Each structure stands twice: as C-alpha cells, then as structure tokens.
Amino acid sequence: MQGKNNPYLLSEQVQRILKNNGFSAVFNFTDYQLFKRQTRRAFNQAQEIAQKFMAEAEPQANDFQTYIF
C-alpha cells in the first residue's frame, strides 16, 4: 500500500477537514506532529488537530478569500 492515499490515516482526515473549511494550504507535518501529541486524548483527534491549524492560521490563508461573493 506504499505510495497510496489511505483515507483512514489521521493525517489524511485532517487534510480533508482543512480542505473542506478552506485551509488546505496551512497543513504541514511539523505542526501536525506537535498537534497530534497535544490532542492524543481527544475524542475526535482529527477534528481537534484541524481546529488547532485553523486557530493558528491567518485569515488571509483561507482558500475562500480569493472568491468574490
């Protein structure tokens, strides 16, 4: 299974949550590892990690900023 995306991996779940919320560009593995350790007791760890990424992201980093509504 090497080289394939596994939708059940925690990192893939976090990336999917970030993408759905417009923060696909803020994911990096250094912060991911830190947040993973900080949230190891969370009920929904993927959601908690994504929330931490979004909390630290600048509002300009949101993918939806380029759209005119």
N, C-alpha and C. Protein backbone atom coordinates (compact mmCIF):
# COMPACT_ATOMS: atom_id res chain seq x y z
N MET A 1 0.82 -1.18 0.00
CA MET A 1 0.00 0.00 0.00
C MET A 1 0.87 1.26 0.00
N GLN A 2 2.08 1.11 -0.25
CA GLN A 2 3.01 2.23 -0.25
C GLN A 2 2.73 3.16 -1.42
N GLY A 3 2.76 4.47 -1.14
CA GLY A 3 2.56 5.44 -2.19
C GLY A 3 1.10 5.75 -2.49
N LYS A 4 0.18 5.16 -1.76
CA LYS A 4 -1.24 5.41 -1.99
C LYS A 4 -1.81 6.18 -0.81
N ASN A 5 -2.82 6.97 -1.09
CA ASN A 5 -3.51 7.70 -0.03
C ASN A 5 -4.47 6.76 0.68
N ASN A 6 -4.43 6.80 2.00
CA ASN A 6 -5.32 5.99 2.81
C ASN A 6 -6.27 6.94 3.52
N PRO A 7 -7.56 6.92 3.19
CA PRO A 7 -8.48 7.89 3.79
C PRO A 7 -8.66 7.71 5.29
N TYR A 8 -8.18 6.60 5.84
CA TYR A 8 -8.34 6.35 7.26
C TYR A 8 -7.16 6.85 8.08
N LEU A 9 -6.07 7.26 7.42
CA LEU A 9 -4.94 7.81 8.15
C LEU A 9 -5.36 9.13 8.79
N LEU A 10 -4.88 9.37 9.99
CA LEU A 10 -5.23 10.58 10.71
C LEU A 10 -4.82 11.82 9.93
N SER A 11 -3.64 11.80 9.34
CA SER A 11 -3.19 12.97 8.59
C SER A 11 -4.09 13.25 7.38
N GLU A 12 -4.58 12.20 6.73
CA GLU A 12 -5.48 12.38 5.59
C GLU A 12 -6.82 12.95 6.05
N GLN A 13 -7.29 12.51 7.20
CA GLN A 13 -8.54 13.04 7.74
C GLN A 13 -8.40 14.53 8.06
N VAL A 14 -7.27 14.90 8.66
CA VAL A 14 -7.01 16.30 9.00
C VAL A 14 -6.96 17.13 7.73
N GLN A 15 -6.24 16.66 6.72
CA GLN A 15 -6.14 17.39 5.47
C GLN A 15 -7.51 17.57 4.82
N ARG A 16 -8.36 16.55 4.88
CA ARG A 16 -9.69 16.64 4.30
C ARG A 16 -10.54 17.68 5.04
N ILE A 17 -10.46 17.70 6.37
CA ILE A 17 -11.21 18.69 7.16
C ILE A 17 -10.73 20.10 6.82
N LEU A 18 -9.41 20.28 6.74
CA LEU A 18 -8.87 21.59 6.41
C LEU A 18 -9.31 22.03 5.01
N LYS A 19 -9.28 21.12 4.07
CA LYS A 19 -9.68 21.45 2.69
C LYS A 19 -11.15 21.85 2.65
N ASN A 20 -11.99 21.12 3.37
CA ASN A 20 -13.42 21.43 3.39
C ASN A 20 -13.71 22.79 4.02
N ASN A 21 -12.84 23.24 4.90
CA ASN A 21 -13.02 24.53 5.56
C ASN A 21 -12.22 25.65 4.90
N GLY A 22 -11.53 25.34 3.81
CA GLY A 22 -10.81 26.36 3.06
C GLY A 22 -9.41 26.65 3.57
N PHE A 23 -8.84 25.75 4.32
CA PHE A 23 -7.49 25.96 4.86
C PHE A 23 -6.52 24.88 4.39
N SER A 24 -6.61 24.50 3.14
CA SER A 24 -5.77 23.41 2.64
C SER A 24 -4.28 23.76 2.64
N ALA A 25 -3.95 25.04 2.54
CA ALA A 25 -2.54 25.44 2.45
C ALA A 25 -1.83 25.50 3.79
N VAL A 26 -2.54 25.40 4.90
CA VAL A 26 -1.89 25.58 6.21
C VAL A 26 -1.33 24.28 6.78
N PHE A 27 -1.63 23.13 6.18
CA PHE A 27 -1.16 21.85 6.72
C PHE A 27 0.33 21.68 6.50
N ASN A 28 1.04 21.29 7.55
CA ASN A 28 2.44 20.87 7.44
C ASN A 28 2.69 19.80 8.49
N PHE A 29 3.62 18.90 8.20
CA PHE A 29 3.82 17.75 9.08
C PHE A 29 4.50 18.11 10.39
N THR A 30 5.26 19.19 10.44
CA THR A 30 5.90 19.58 11.69
C THR A 30 4.84 19.96 12.72
N ASP A 31 3.94 20.85 12.33
CA ASP A 31 2.86 21.24 13.24
C ASP A 31 1.91 20.07 13.49
N TYR A 32 1.68 19.26 12.46
CA TYR A 32 0.81 18.10 12.61
C TYR A 32 1.31 17.18 13.71
N GLN A 33 2.61 16.90 13.74
CA GLN A 33 3.17 16.03 14.77
C GLN A 33 3.00 16.64 16.16
N LEU A 34 3.21 17.96 16.27
CA LEU A 34 3.03 18.65 17.55
C LEU A 34 1.58 18.58 18.00
N PHE A 35 0.66 18.90 17.12
CA PHE A 35 -0.77 18.88 17.46
C PHE A 35 -1.24 17.46 17.76
N LYS A 36 -0.67 16.49 17.10
CA LYS A 36 -1.04 15.10 17.33
C LYS A 36 -0.70 14.68 18.76
N ARG A 37 0.48 15.11 19.23
CA ARG A 37 0.85 14.82 20.62
C ARG A 37 -0.04 15.57 21.60
N GLN A 38 -0.38 16.81 21.29
CA GLN A 38 -1.20 17.61 22.19
C GLN A 38 -2.64 17.11 22.29
N THR A 39 -3.14 16.45 21.27
CA THR A 39 -4.54 16.03 21.23
C THR A 39 -4.71 14.52 21.33
N ARG A 40 -3.72 13.83 21.83
CA ARG A 40 -3.78 12.35 21.80
C ARG A 40 -4.94 11.79 22.62
N ARG A 41 -5.48 12.55 23.56
CA ARG A 41 -6.61 12.06 24.37
C ARG A 41 -7.96 12.58 23.88
N ALA A 42 -7.98 13.29 22.79
CA ALA A 42 -9.23 13.86 22.28
C ALA A 42 -10.14 12.77 21.71
N PHE A 43 -11.45 12.98 21.81
CA PHE A 43 -12.41 12.02 21.29
C PHE A 43 -12.31 11.95 19.77
N ASN A 44 -12.30 13.10 19.10
CA ASN A 44 -12.15 13.16 17.64
C ASN A 44 -10.85 13.89 17.35
N GLN A 45 -9.77 13.15 17.32
CA GLN A 45 -8.44 13.74 17.21
C GLN A 45 -8.25 14.51 15.90
N ALA A 46 -8.77 14.00 14.81
CA ALA A 46 -8.62 14.68 13.52
C ALA A 46 -9.26 16.06 13.56
N GLN A 47 -10.46 16.15 14.14
CA GLN A 47 -11.15 17.44 14.23
C GLN A 47 -10.40 18.40 15.15
N GLU A 48 -9.88 17.90 16.25
CA GLU A 48 -9.14 18.75 17.19
C GLU A 48 -7.86 19.29 16.54
N ILE A 49 -7.16 18.45 15.81
CA ILE A 49 -5.93 18.89 15.13
C ILE A 49 -6.27 19.94 14.09
N ALA A 50 -7.32 19.71 13.32
CA ALA A 50 -7.74 20.68 12.30
C ALA A 50 -8.12 22.00 12.95
N GLN A 51 -8.80 21.95 14.09
CA GLN A 51 -9.17 23.18 14.79
C GLN A 51 -7.92 23.96 15.21
N LYS A 52 -6.88 23.26 15.64
CA LYS A 52 -5.64 23.93 16.03
C LYS A 52 -4.97 24.59 14.83
N PHE A 53 -4.97 23.90 13.68
CA PHE A 53 -4.42 24.50 12.46
C PHE A 53 -5.20 25.77 12.10
N MET A 54 -6.52 25.70 12.14
CA MET A 54 -7.34 26.84 11.76
C MET A 54 -7.19 27.99 12.74
N ALA A 55 -7.01 27.68 14.03
CA ALA A 55 -6.85 28.73 15.03
C ALA A 55 -5.55 29.49 14.83
N GLU A 56 -4.51 28.79 14.40
CA GLU A 56 -3.22 29.44 14.21
C GLU A 56 -3.06 30.09 12.83
N ALA A 57 -3.96 29.77 11.91
CA ALA A 57 -3.84 30.30 10.55
C ALA A 57 -4.26 31.77 10.51
N GLU A 58 -3.63 32.50 9.64
CA GLU A 58 -4.02 33.89 9.41
C GLU A 58 -5.29 33.88 8.56
N PRO A 59 -6.16 34.87 8.76
CA PRO A 59 -7.39 34.90 7.95
C PRO A 59 -7.12 34.95 6.45
N GLN A 60 -5.99 35.52 6.05
CA GLN A 60 -5.66 35.59 4.64
C GLN A 60 -5.30 34.22 4.07
N ALA A 61 -5.00 33.25 4.92
CA ALA A 61 -4.62 31.92 4.45
C ALA A 61 -5.83 31.10 4.00
N ASN A 62 -7.01 31.60 4.25
CA ASN A 62 -8.22 30.89 3.88
C ASN A 62 -8.36 30.85 2.36
N ASP A 63 -8.65 29.67 1.82
CA ASP A 63 -8.81 29.48 0.38
C ASP A 63 -9.96 30.32 -0.19
N PHE A 64 -10.94 30.64 0.64
CA PHE A 64 -12.13 31.34 0.16
C PHE A 64 -11.91 32.85 0.03
N GLN A 65 -10.78 33.36 0.46
CA GLN A 65 -10.51 34.79 0.38
C GLN A 65 -10.40 35.28 -1.06
N THR A 66 -10.05 34.39 -1.97
CA THR A 66 -9.89 34.80 -3.37
C THR A 66 -11.21 34.92 -4.12
N TYR A 67 -12.28 34.38 -3.53
CA TYR A 67 -13.58 34.42 -4.18
C TYR A 67 -14.30 35.72 -3.87
N ILE A 68 -15.02 36.23 -4.84
CA ILE A 68 -15.85 37.41 -4.65
C ILE A 68 -17.29 36.92 -4.46
N PHE A 69 -17.89 37.28 -3.35
CA PHE A 69 -19.26 36.82 -3.06
C PHE A 69 -20.26 37.90 -3.38
